[in-house]
Amino acid sequence: PYVIVCNHQASLDLMGMVEVIPDRCVPIAKKELMYMGTVGWACWLSGIIFIDRHKREDAIDVISQTARTMRRENVR
């Protein structure tokens, strides 16, 4: 497992990145995207992990838990 960090300029860029990143990559997005109607639903259904950038500790916990799961199960 691995993590790729991408700097995108708009919220919709994430949808394009999901198409080109490798299968075993876990996409992480800001929680605000979840509330963008169909874009949010598409992100949620495609398995994107949402983090709350305004709550630093919560974001760190989500990323740490994701990393532990990736290492333990060696899967997406």
N, C-alpha and C. Protein backbone atom coordinates (compact mmCIF):
# COMPACT_ATOMS: atom_id res chain seq x y z
N PRO A 1 0.81 -1.21 0.00
CA PRO A 1 0.00 0.00 0.00
C PRO A 1 0.85 1.26 0.00
N TYR A 2 0.33 2.32 -0.54
CA TYR A 2 1.05 3.58 -0.60
C TYR A 2 0.07 4.73 -0.64
N VAL A 3 0.56 5.92 -0.45
CA VAL A 3 -0.26 7.13 -0.47
C VAL A 3 0.38 8.11 -1.43
N ILE A 4 -0.42 8.68 -2.34
CA ILE A 4 0.04 9.70 -3.27
C ILE A 4 -0.60 11.02 -2.84
N VAL A 5 0.20 12.06 -2.71
CA VAL A 5 -0.32 13.36 -2.33
C VAL A 5 -0.41 14.22 -3.58
N CYS A 6 -1.61 14.73 -3.88
CA CYS A 6 -1.83 15.55 -5.05
C CYS A 6 -2.36 16.92 -4.63
N ASN A 7 -1.88 17.95 -5.26
CA ASN A 7 -2.36 19.29 -4.98
C ASN A 7 -3.29 19.69 -6.13
N HIS A 8 -4.58 19.63 -5.89
CA HIS A 8 -5.53 19.99 -6.93
C HIS A 8 -6.08 21.38 -6.66
N GLN A 9 -6.54 22.05 -7.71
CA GLN A 9 -6.96 23.43 -7.61
C GLN A 9 -8.46 23.61 -7.41
N ALA A 10 -9.26 22.63 -7.80
CA ALA A 10 -10.71 22.74 -7.67
C ALA A 10 -11.26 21.43 -7.11
N SER A 11 -12.46 21.49 -6.58
CA SER A 11 -13.07 20.30 -5.98
C SER A 11 -13.31 19.20 -7.01
N LEU A 12 -13.63 19.56 -8.23
CA LEU A 12 -13.91 18.56 -9.25
C LEU A 12 -12.66 17.88 -9.79
N ASP A 13 -11.49 18.45 -9.54
CA ASP A 13 -10.25 17.81 -9.97
C ASP A 13 -10.08 16.43 -9.35
N LEU A 14 -10.61 16.26 -8.15
CA LEU A 14 -10.48 14.98 -7.45
C LEU A 14 -11.11 13.85 -8.25
N MET A 15 -12.21 14.11 -8.91
CA MET A 15 -12.87 13.07 -9.71
C MET A 15 -11.97 12.60 -10.85
N GLY A 16 -11.25 13.51 -11.47
CA GLY A 16 -10.32 13.14 -12.53
C GLY A 16 -9.13 12.37 -12.00
N MET A 17 -8.64 12.77 -10.82
CA MET A 17 -7.50 12.07 -10.22
C MET A 17 -7.86 10.65 -9.84
N VAL A 18 -9.10 10.42 -9.43
CA VAL A 18 -9.54 9.07 -9.05
C VAL A 18 -9.43 8.13 -10.25
N GLU A 19 -9.60 8.65 -11.45
CA GLU A 19 -9.53 7.81 -12.65
C GLU A 19 -8.10 7.41 -13.01
N VAL A 20 -7.12 8.22 -12.68
CA VAL A 20 -5.76 7.94 -13.13
C VAL A 20 -4.86 7.35 -12.05
N ILE A 21 -5.25 7.41 -10.78
CA ILE A 21 -4.40 6.85 -9.74
C ILE A 21 -4.51 5.33 -9.74
N PRO A 22 -3.49 4.64 -9.28
CA PRO A 22 -3.51 3.17 -9.27
C PRO A 22 -4.64 2.60 -8.40
N ASP A 23 -4.99 1.34 -8.64
CA ASP A 23 -6.10 0.69 -7.94
C ASP A 23 -5.90 0.62 -6.44
N ARG A 24 -4.68 0.44 -5.99
CA ARG A 24 -4.44 0.24 -4.55
C ARG A 24 -4.27 1.55 -3.79
N CYS A 25 -4.51 2.68 -4.43
CA CYS A 25 -4.37 3.97 -3.79
C CYS A 25 -5.67 4.34 -3.07
N VAL A 26 -5.56 4.92 -1.88
CA VAL A 26 -6.72 5.32 -1.10
C VAL A 26 -6.87 6.83 -1.21
N PRO A 27 -7.91 7.31 -1.87
CA PRO A 27 -8.10 8.76 -1.99
C PRO A 27 -8.65 9.35 -0.69
N ILE A 28 -8.12 10.50 -0.31
CA ILE A 28 -8.57 11.23 0.87
C ILE A 28 -8.96 12.63 0.41
N ALA A 29 -10.13 13.10 0.84
CA ALA A 29 -10.62 14.41 0.41
C ALA A 29 -11.16 15.18 1.60
N LYS A 30 -11.31 16.48 1.42
CA LYS A 30 -11.87 17.29 2.49
C LYS A 30 -13.35 16.97 2.67
N LYS A 31 -13.81 17.05 3.89
CA LYS A 31 -15.17 16.65 4.23
C LYS A 31 -16.23 17.50 3.52
N GLU A 32 -15.90 18.72 3.17
CA GLU A 32 -16.84 19.61 2.50
C GLU A 32 -17.34 19.03 1.18
N LEU A 33 -16.51 18.21 0.51
CA LEU A 33 -16.92 17.61 -0.76
C LEU A 33 -18.10 16.67 -0.60
N MET A 34 -18.24 16.09 0.57
CA MET A 34 -19.32 15.14 0.81
C MET A 34 -20.69 15.81 0.68
N TYR A 35 -20.75 17.11 0.88
CA TYR A 35 -22.02 17.82 0.86
C TYR A 35 -22.29 18.54 -0.46
N MET A 36 -21.61 18.13 -1.54
CA MET A 36 -21.76 18.79 -2.84
C MET A 36 -22.69 18.00 -3.77
N GLY A 37 -23.80 17.53 -3.26
CA GLY A 37 -24.79 16.86 -4.10
C GLY A 37 -24.27 15.60 -4.75
N THR A 38 -24.42 15.52 -6.07
CA THR A 38 -24.02 14.30 -6.78
C THR A 38 -22.52 14.06 -6.73
N VAL A 39 -21.73 15.12 -6.66
CA VAL A 39 -20.28 14.96 -6.55
C VAL A 39 -19.95 14.26 -5.22
N GLY A 40 -20.62 14.68 -4.16
CA GLY A 40 -20.41 14.06 -2.85
C GLY A 40 -20.81 12.60 -2.84
N TRP A 41 -21.96 12.31 -3.43
CA TRP A 41 -22.42 10.91 -3.51
C TRP A 41 -21.43 10.06 -4.31
N ALA A 42 -20.95 10.60 -5.43
CA ALA A 42 -20.01 9.85 -6.27
C ALA A 42 -18.71 9.60 -5.51
N CYS A 43 -18.23 10.61 -4.79
CA CYS A 43 -17.01 10.43 -4.00
C CYS A 43 -17.21 9.38 -2.92
N TRP A 44 -18.33 9.46 -2.22
CA TRP A 44 -18.62 8.52 -1.13
C TRP A 44 -18.74 7.09 -1.65
N LEU A 45 -19.44 6.92 -2.78
CA LEU A 45 -19.62 5.58 -3.35
C LEU A 45 -18.33 5.01 -3.91
N SER A 46 -17.39 5.88 -4.31
CA SER A 46 -16.14 5.37 -4.87
C SER A 46 -15.11 5.06 -3.78
N GLY A 47 -15.47 5.27 -2.51
CA GLY A 47 -14.60 4.86 -1.42
C GLY A 47 -13.63 5.92 -0.93
N ILE A 48 -13.87 7.16 -1.27
CA ILE A 48 -13.00 8.24 -0.81
C ILE A 48 -13.15 8.41 0.70
N ILE A 49 -12.06 8.62 1.38
CA ILE A 49 -12.07 8.85 2.82
C ILE A 49 -12.09 10.36 3.05
N PHE A 50 -13.06 10.82 3.82
CA PHE A 50 -13.22 12.25 4.05
C PHE A 50 -12.59 12.64 5.39
N ILE A 51 -11.86 13.77 5.39
CA ILE A 51 -11.29 14.30 6.62
C ILE A 51 -11.79 15.71 6.84
N ASP A 52 -11.91 16.08 8.11
CA ASP A 52 -12.35 17.42 8.49
C ASP A 52 -11.10 18.27 8.73
N ARG A 53 -10.81 19.17 7.81
CA ARG A 53 -9.60 19.97 7.91
C ARG A 53 -9.67 21.00 9.02
N HIS A 54 -10.85 21.30 9.51
CA HIS A 54 -11.00 22.30 10.57
C HIS A 54 -10.75 21.70 11.96
N LYS A 55 -10.81 20.38 12.07
CA LYS A 55 -10.55 19.69 13.33
C LYS A 55 -9.29 18.85 13.15
N ARG A 56 -8.16 19.43 13.46
CA ARG A 56 -6.86 18.82 13.18
C ARG A 56 -6.73 17.42 13.80
N GLU A 57 -7.11 17.28 15.05
CA GLU A 57 -6.96 15.99 15.74
C GLU A 57 -7.82 14.91 15.09
N ASP A 58 -9.04 15.26 14.70
CA ASP A 58 -9.91 14.30 14.03
C ASP A 58 -9.33 13.87 12.69
N ALA A 59 -8.77 14.82 11.96
CA ALA A 59 -8.16 14.50 10.66
C ALA A 59 -6.98 13.56 10.84
N ILE A 60 -6.15 13.83 11.84
CA ILE A 60 -4.99 12.97 12.10
C ILE A 60 -5.45 11.57 12.49
N ASP A 61 -6.50 11.48 13.30
CA ASP A 61 -7.02 10.17 13.70
C ASP A 61 -7.52 9.37 12.51
N VAL A 62 -8.25 10.02 11.60
CA VAL A 62 -8.78 9.32 10.43
C VAL A 62 -7.64 8.83 9.55
N ILE A 63 -6.65 9.67 9.32
CA ILE A 63 -5.52 9.27 8.47
C ILE A 63 -4.71 8.16 9.13
N SER A 64 -4.51 8.24 10.44
CA SER A 64 -3.77 7.20 11.14
C SER A 64 -4.50 5.86 11.10
N GLN A 65 -5.81 5.90 11.31
CA GLN A 65 -6.60 4.67 11.25
C GLN A 65 -6.56 4.07 9.85
N THR A 66 -6.63 4.91 8.84
CA THR A 66 -6.55 4.43 7.46
C THR A 66 -5.21 3.77 7.18
N ALA A 67 -4.13 4.40 7.64
CA ALA A 67 -2.79 3.84 7.43
C ALA A 67 -2.64 2.50 8.14
N ARG A 68 -3.15 2.39 9.36
CA ARG A 68 -3.07 1.11 10.08
C ARG A 68 -3.84 0.02 9.35
N THR A 69 -5.02 0.36 8.85
CA THR A 69 -5.82 -0.63 8.12
C THR A 69 -5.11 -1.05 6.84
N MET A 70 -4.51 -0.09 6.13
CA MET A 70 -3.79 -0.41 4.89
C MET A 70 -2.63 -1.36 5.17
N ARG A 71 -1.89 -1.12 6.24
CA ARG A 71 -0.74 -1.99 6.57
C ARG A 71 -1.20 -3.35 7.05
N ARG A 72 -2.23 -3.37 7.90
CA ARG A 72 -2.69 -4.64 8.48
C ARG A 72 -3.27 -5.57 7.42
N GLU A 73 -4.12 -5.04 6.56
CA GLU A 73 -4.81 -5.88 5.59
C GLU A 73 -4.11 -5.94 4.24
N ASN A 74 -3.14 -5.05 4.02
CA ASN A 74 -2.39 -4.98 2.77
C ASN A 74 -3.32 -4.89 1.56
N VAL A 75 -4.41 -4.16 1.75
CA VAL A 75 -5.36 -3.95 0.68
C VAL A 75 -5.79 -2.50 0.65
N ARG A 76 -6.60 -2.18 -0.32
CA ARG A 76 -7.14 -0.83 -0.45
C ARG A 76 -8.04 -0.52 0.69
